[in-house]
Amino acid sequence: MKRKQTTAVRVRQAALAAAIVLFGGAMGAQAFTGKQYTKDATVSLEQAREIALKVVPGKIVDEELERGKGGSGLRYSFDILTGHARREVWVDAKTGQVLRQGK
């Protein structure tokens, strides 16, 4: 019985280490894309982050400023890790309005 528990603990530790490497590496390598559009945005990246995290609390793992349909046509897109789920939030870059939140 003790041997099975030890094996289970080792498996959990290995899974946790793998998750840290995968998600930690991805978060560390995160780069903001869409810098060419910042001159057109009224809402700063920092303000948009705050808005997105109020709607979906968690850790931002990807972010970009992009052109797209809806709102003013310019939006910040954030992928936010909440526990085991990854959610996407769009914030209008000119008004600060949340355009979308979901998976």
N, C-alpha and C. Protein backbone atom coordinates (compact mmCIF):
# COMPACT_ATOMS: atom_id res chain seq x y z
N MET A 1 0.83 -1.19 0.00
CA MET A 1 0.00 0.00 0.00
C MET A 1 0.87 1.25 0.00
N LYS A 2 1.90 1.25 0.84
CA LYS A 2 2.77 2.41 0.92
C LYS A 2 3.49 2.65 -0.40
N ARG A 3 3.87 1.58 -1.07
CA ARG A 3 4.55 1.71 -2.35
C ARG A 3 3.64 2.35 -3.40
N LYS A 4 2.35 1.99 -3.42
CA LYS A 4 1.40 2.58 -4.36
C LYS A 4 1.22 4.06 -4.09
N GLN A 5 1.18 4.45 -2.81
CA GLN A 5 1.04 5.86 -2.48
C GLN A 5 2.27 6.64 -2.94
N THR A 6 3.45 6.06 -2.75
CA THR A 6 4.68 6.72 -3.16
C THR A 6 4.69 6.91 -4.68
N THR A 7 4.27 5.90 -5.42
CA THR A 7 4.20 6.00 -6.88
C THR A 7 3.21 7.08 -7.30
N ALA A 8 2.06 7.10 -6.63
CA ALA A 8 1.05 8.12 -6.95
C ALA A 8 1.59 9.52 -6.69
N VAL A 9 2.31 9.69 -5.60
CA VAL A 9 2.90 11.00 -5.28
C VAL A 9 3.91 11.39 -6.35
N ARG A 10 4.72 10.44 -6.78
CA ARG A 10 5.73 10.73 -7.82
C ARG A 10 5.06 11.11 -9.14
N VAL A 11 3.99 10.43 -9.48
CA VAL A 11 3.27 10.74 -10.71
C VAL A 11 2.70 12.15 -10.63
N ARG A 12 2.10 12.51 -9.48
CA ARG A 12 1.56 13.87 -9.33
C ARG A 12 2.66 14.91 -9.40
N GLN A 13 3.80 14.63 -8.77
CA GLN A 13 4.92 15.58 -8.81
C GLN A 13 5.43 15.75 -10.24
N ALA A 14 5.52 14.67 -10.98
CA ALA A 14 5.98 14.74 -12.37
C ALA A 14 4.99 15.53 -13.22
N ALA A 15 3.69 15.31 -12.99
CA ALA A 15 2.67 16.05 -13.74
C ALA A 15 2.73 17.54 -13.41
N LEU A 16 2.92 17.86 -12.14
CA LEU A 16 3.03 19.26 -11.74
C LEU A 16 4.27 19.91 -12.37
N ALA A 17 5.38 19.21 -12.35
CA ALA A 17 6.60 19.74 -12.95
C ALA A 17 6.41 19.97 -14.45
N ALA A 18 5.76 19.03 -15.12
CA ALA A 18 5.50 19.19 -16.56
C ALA A 18 4.60 20.39 -16.82
N ALA A 19 3.58 20.58 -15.98
CA ALA A 19 2.68 21.73 -16.15
C ALA A 19 3.43 23.04 -15.95
N ILE A 20 4.32 23.08 -14.98
CA ILE A 20 5.10 24.29 -14.73
C ILE A 20 5.99 24.60 -15.92
N VAL A 21 6.61 23.57 -16.47
CA VAL A 21 7.48 23.77 -17.63
C VAL A 21 6.66 24.26 -18.83
N LEU A 22 5.52 23.59 -19.09
CA LEU A 22 4.71 23.95 -20.24
C LEU A 22 4.08 25.33 -20.10
N PHE A 23 3.35 25.54 -19.00
CA PHE A 23 2.66 26.81 -18.83
C PHE A 23 3.61 27.92 -18.40
N GLY A 24 4.55 27.62 -17.55
CA GLY A 24 5.51 28.63 -17.11
C GLY A 24 6.37 29.12 -18.26
N GLY A 25 6.80 28.18 -19.11
CA GLY A 25 7.59 28.56 -20.27
C GLY A 25 6.80 29.40 -21.24
N ALA A 26 5.55 29.05 -21.43
CA ALA A 26 4.70 29.81 -22.36
C ALA A 26 4.44 31.20 -21.82
N MET A 27 4.25 31.30 -20.51
CA MET A 27 3.97 32.60 -19.93
C MET A 27 5.22 33.48 -19.94
N GLY A 28 6.37 32.86 -19.71
CA GLY A 28 7.60 33.63 -19.71
C GLY A 28 7.95 34.15 -21.10
N ALA A 29 7.56 33.38 -22.11
CA ALA A 29 7.89 33.75 -23.48
C ALA A 29 6.82 34.62 -24.12
N GLN A 30 5.82 34.98 -23.32
CA GLN A 30 4.70 35.77 -23.84
C GLN A 30 5.20 37.08 -24.45
N ALA A 31 4.71 37.35 -25.61
CA ALA A 31 5.06 38.61 -26.27
C ALA A 31 3.77 39.30 -26.71
N PHE A 32 3.72 40.58 -26.53
CA PHE A 32 2.56 41.35 -26.96
C PHE A 32 2.66 41.57 -28.46
N THR A 33 1.62 41.17 -29.19
CA THR A 33 1.61 41.40 -30.63
C THR A 33 0.58 42.48 -30.96
N GLY A 34 0.84 43.19 -32.02
CA GLY A 34 -0.06 44.25 -32.45
C GLY A 34 0.43 45.63 -32.06
N LYS A 35 1.71 45.75 -31.74
CA LYS A 35 2.27 47.05 -31.33
C LYS A 35 2.06 48.13 -32.40
N GLN A 36 1.96 47.72 -33.65
CA GLN A 36 1.78 48.70 -34.73
C GLN A 36 0.45 49.43 -34.62
N TYR A 37 -0.51 48.89 -33.83
CA TYR A 37 -1.82 49.53 -33.69
C TYR A 37 -1.94 50.41 -32.44
N THR A 38 -0.93 50.42 -31.58
CA THR A 38 -1.05 51.15 -30.31
C THR A 38 -1.32 52.64 -30.50
N LYS A 39 -0.82 53.21 -31.58
CA LYS A 39 -1.05 54.65 -31.82
C LYS A 39 -2.53 54.96 -32.05
N ASP A 40 -3.30 53.94 -32.49
CA ASP A 40 -4.73 54.12 -32.75
C ASP A 40 -5.60 53.83 -31.53
N ALA A 41 -5.01 53.26 -30.48
CA ALA A 41 -5.78 52.87 -29.29
C ALA A 41 -5.88 54.04 -28.31
N THR A 42 -7.07 54.21 -27.75
CA THR A 42 -7.30 55.22 -26.71
C THR A 42 -7.07 54.60 -25.34
N VAL A 43 -7.38 53.33 -25.21
CA VAL A 43 -7.21 52.58 -23.97
C VAL A 43 -5.82 51.95 -24.00
N SER A 44 -5.05 52.11 -22.92
CA SER A 44 -3.70 51.54 -22.88
C SER A 44 -3.77 50.03 -22.63
N LEU A 45 -2.69 49.35 -22.90
CA LEU A 45 -2.60 47.92 -22.65
C LEU A 45 -2.85 47.63 -21.17
N GLU A 46 -2.26 48.43 -20.29
CA GLU A 46 -2.42 48.23 -18.84
C GLU A 46 -3.89 48.38 -18.43
N GLN A 47 -4.56 49.39 -18.97
CA GLN A 47 -5.98 49.59 -18.65
C GLN A 47 -6.82 48.42 -19.16
N ALA A 48 -6.52 47.97 -20.37
CA ALA A 48 -7.27 46.85 -20.94
C ALA A 48 -7.05 45.57 -20.13
N ARG A 49 -5.82 45.37 -19.65
CA ARG A 49 -5.55 44.20 -18.78
C ARG A 49 -6.43 44.24 -17.54
N GLU A 50 -6.47 45.41 -16.89
CA GLU A 50 -7.29 45.57 -15.67
C GLU A 50 -8.76 45.26 -15.96
N ILE A 51 -9.27 45.78 -17.06
CA ILE A 51 -10.67 45.54 -17.44
C ILE A 51 -10.91 44.05 -17.64
N ALA A 52 -10.02 43.40 -18.39
CA ALA A 52 -10.18 41.97 -18.69
C ALA A 52 -10.13 41.13 -17.41
N LEU A 53 -9.21 41.45 -16.50
CA LEU A 53 -9.07 40.66 -15.28
C LEU A 53 -10.21 40.90 -14.30
N LYS A 54 -10.90 42.03 -14.41
CA LYS A 54 -12.10 42.24 -13.58
C LYS A 54 -13.22 41.33 -14.04
N VAL A 55 -13.29 41.11 -15.35
CA VAL A 55 -14.34 40.26 -15.92
C VAL A 55 -14.02 38.78 -15.71
N VAL A 56 -12.77 38.40 -15.94
CA VAL A 56 -12.33 37.02 -15.79
C VAL A 56 -11.04 37.01 -14.97
N PRO A 57 -11.15 36.85 -13.66
CA PRO A 57 -9.93 36.81 -12.82
C PRO A 57 -9.07 35.60 -13.18
N GLY A 58 -7.78 35.78 -13.18
CA GLY A 58 -6.85 34.70 -13.49
C GLY A 58 -5.50 35.26 -13.89
N LYS A 59 -4.79 34.52 -14.71
CA LYS A 59 -3.46 34.93 -15.18
C LYS A 59 -3.48 35.05 -16.69
N ILE A 60 -3.09 36.22 -17.17
CA ILE A 60 -3.03 36.44 -18.62
C ILE A 60 -1.85 35.67 -19.18
N VAL A 61 -2.13 34.80 -20.17
CA VAL A 61 -1.07 34.00 -20.78
C VAL A 61 -0.78 34.40 -22.22
N ASP A 62 -1.66 35.20 -22.81
CA ASP A 62 -1.43 35.69 -24.16
C ASP A 62 -2.23 36.97 -24.34
N GLU A 63 -1.66 37.92 -25.08
CA GLU A 63 -2.34 39.19 -25.30
C GLU A 63 -1.93 39.76 -26.64
N GLU A 64 -2.91 40.39 -27.30
CA GLU A 64 -2.59 41.05 -28.56
C GLU A 64 -3.58 42.18 -28.83
N LEU A 65 -3.14 43.09 -29.64
CA LEU A 65 -3.97 44.18 -30.12
C LEU A 65 -4.20 43.91 -31.60
N GLU A 66 -5.48 43.84 -32.00
CA GLU A 66 -5.79 43.42 -33.36
C GLU A 66 -6.98 44.16 -33.92
N ARG A 67 -7.07 44.16 -35.20
CA ARG A 67 -8.24 44.71 -35.88
C ARG A 67 -9.23 43.58 -36.08
N GLY A 68 -10.53 43.90 -35.95
CA GLY A 68 -11.55 42.88 -36.13
C GLY A 68 -12.93 43.49 -36.11
N LYS A 69 -13.92 42.69 -36.42
CA LYS A 69 -15.30 43.15 -36.42
C LYS A 69 -15.78 43.36 -35.00
N GLY A 70 -16.71 44.30 -34.86
CA GLY A 70 -17.29 44.57 -33.55
C GLY A 70 -16.66 45.79 -32.90
N GLY A 71 -17.47 46.54 -32.16
CA GLY A 71 -16.98 47.72 -31.47
C GLY A 71 -16.38 48.71 -32.44
N SER A 72 -15.25 49.28 -32.05
CA SER A 72 -14.59 50.28 -32.88
C SER A 72 -13.76 49.67 -34.00
N GLY A 73 -13.61 48.35 -33.98
CA GLY A 73 -12.80 47.68 -34.99
C GLY A 73 -11.37 47.42 -34.53
N LEU A 74 -11.02 47.91 -33.33
CA LEU A 74 -9.69 47.69 -32.78
C LEU A 74 -9.88 47.15 -31.37
N ARG A 75 -9.30 45.98 -31.09
CA ARG A 75 -9.53 45.36 -29.78
C ARG A 75 -8.28 44.69 -29.24
N TYR A 76 -8.25 44.63 -27.90
CA TYR A 76 -7.25 43.82 -27.21
C TYR A 76 -7.87 42.45 -27.02
N SER A 77 -7.11 41.42 -27.27
CA SER A 77 -7.56 40.05 -27.06
C SER A 77 -6.66 39.42 -26.00
N PHE A 78 -7.25 38.92 -24.94
CA PHE A 78 -6.50 38.31 -23.84
C PHE A 78 -6.93 36.86 -23.66
N ASP A 79 -5.97 35.97 -23.51
CA ASP A 79 -6.23 34.60 -23.08
C ASP A 79 -5.87 34.56 -21.61
N ILE A 80 -6.84 34.16 -20.79
CA ILE A 80 -6.66 34.18 -19.35
C ILE A 80 -6.83 32.76 -18.82
N LEU A 81 -5.85 32.31 -18.04
CA LEU A 81 -5.90 31.00 -17.43
C LEU A 81 -6.58 31.12 -16.07
N THR A 82 -7.69 30.38 -15.92
CA THR A 82 -8.44 30.39 -14.66
C THR A 82 -8.52 28.95 -14.18
N GLY A 83 -7.67 28.59 -13.25
CA GLY A 83 -7.64 27.19 -12.82
C GLY A 83 -7.19 26.32 -13.97
N HIS A 84 -8.08 25.44 -14.43
CA HIS A 84 -7.74 24.53 -15.53
C HIS A 84 -8.30 24.99 -16.86
N ALA A 85 -9.06 26.08 -16.86
CA ALA A 85 -9.69 26.56 -18.10
C ALA A 85 -8.93 27.76 -18.66
N ARG A 86 -9.01 27.89 -19.95
CA ARG A 86 -8.42 29.04 -20.65
C ARG A 86 -9.58 29.81 -21.27
N ARG A 87 -9.71 31.09 -20.90
CA ARG A 87 -10.82 31.91 -21.38
C ARG A 87 -10.27 33.08 -22.19
N GLU A 88 -11.08 33.54 -23.14
CA GLU A 88 -10.68 34.67 -23.98
C GLU A 88 -11.57 35.86 -23.67
N VAL A 89 -10.95 37.03 -23.56
CA VAL A 89 -11.68 38.27 -23.33
C VAL A 89 -11.20 39.29 -24.36
N TRP A 90 -12.18 39.96 -25.01
CA TRP A 90 -11.87 41.04 -25.94
C TRP A 90 -12.29 42.35 -25.30
N VAL A 91 -11.39 43.33 -25.35
CA VAL A 91 -11.67 44.67 -24.83
C VAL A 91 -11.48 45.67 -25.96
N ASP A 92 -12.49 46.49 -26.23
CA ASP A 92 -12.40 47.50 -27.28
C ASP A 92 -11.27 48.47 -26.93
N ALA A 93 -10.35 48.68 -27.86
CA ALA A 93 -9.16 49.50 -27.61
C ALA A 93 -9.43 51.00 -27.65
N LYS A 94 -10.64 51.38 -28.04
CA LYS A 94 -10.97 52.80 -28.07
C LYS A 94 -11.96 53.20 -26.98
N THR A 95 -12.82 52.24 -26.56
CA THR A 95 -13.84 52.58 -25.55
C THR A 95 -13.64 51.88 -24.22
N GLY A 96 -12.89 50.78 -24.20
CA GLY A 96 -12.73 50.00 -22.97
C GLY A 96 -13.88 49.04 -22.70
N GLN A 97 -14.84 48.98 -23.62
CA GLN A 97 -15.99 48.09 -23.46
C GLN A 97 -15.56 46.64 -23.68
N VAL A 98 -16.09 45.72 -22.85
CA VAL A 98 -15.84 44.30 -23.05
C VAL A 98 -16.71 43.84 -24.22
N LEU A 99 -16.07 43.32 -25.26
CA LEU A 99 -16.79 42.89 -26.46
C LEU A 99 -17.14 41.42 -26.43
N ARG A 100 -16.32 40.64 -25.74
CA ARG A 100 -16.54 39.19 -25.70
C ARG A 100 -15.83 38.60 -24.51
N GLN A 101 -16.45 37.60 -23.93
CA GLN A 101 -15.79 36.78 -22.93
C GLN A 101 -16.27 35.36 -23.11
N GLY A 102 -15.36 34.45 -23.18
CA GLY A 102 -15.76 33.07 -23.40
C GLY A 102 -14.57 32.18 -23.55
N LYS A 103 -14.84 31.00 -24.07
CA LYS A 103 -13.79 29.98 -24.24
C LYS A 103 -13.12 30.11 -25.57
